[in-house]
Amino acid sequence: QAQLVESGGGLVQAGGSLRLSCAASGRTFVTYAMGWFRQAPGKEREFVAAIKWRDRTTYYTDSVKDRFTISRDNANYTGYLQMTNLKPEDTAVYYCAVRSTYCSGSGCYDLPGYNYWGQGTQVTVSS
């Protein structure tokens, strides 16, 4: 059974950095794109960033542009989210997810398009 496991979350002061990892294990599955999403207490899960696995096209929500960088290591089937200049409003549980179907532009932001999800990792940014 395919699994995605996130790691790298933690507590950091505002202005600090964290790098999240998302490792796939289990059976091999077709990946069109990997996405990162987050859910703050009392809020809906929202899109953060996505990367197309083959050509590395990236997408970001406006609030994290120029602060977060998504990348992937094809050899190890691992995705990363480098987060810099963190702000208290970035506090949330961060989830990675994989989709096997085509998307482009804002279509890659849609949660229902992602087939597999990790369990989440907590990121807390103190002021």
Foldseek 3Di string as FASTA:
>chain_A
DKAWAKDWADEEAQQAKIKIKIAIDDDDDAFQKKFKWWDDPPGDIWGAKMAGPPPGDMDGDPVQPPFWDWDADVVRGMIMIIGGSDDQVVWTWMKMFTARDDDDDCRVGDPVRTDHIHPTDTHGYHD
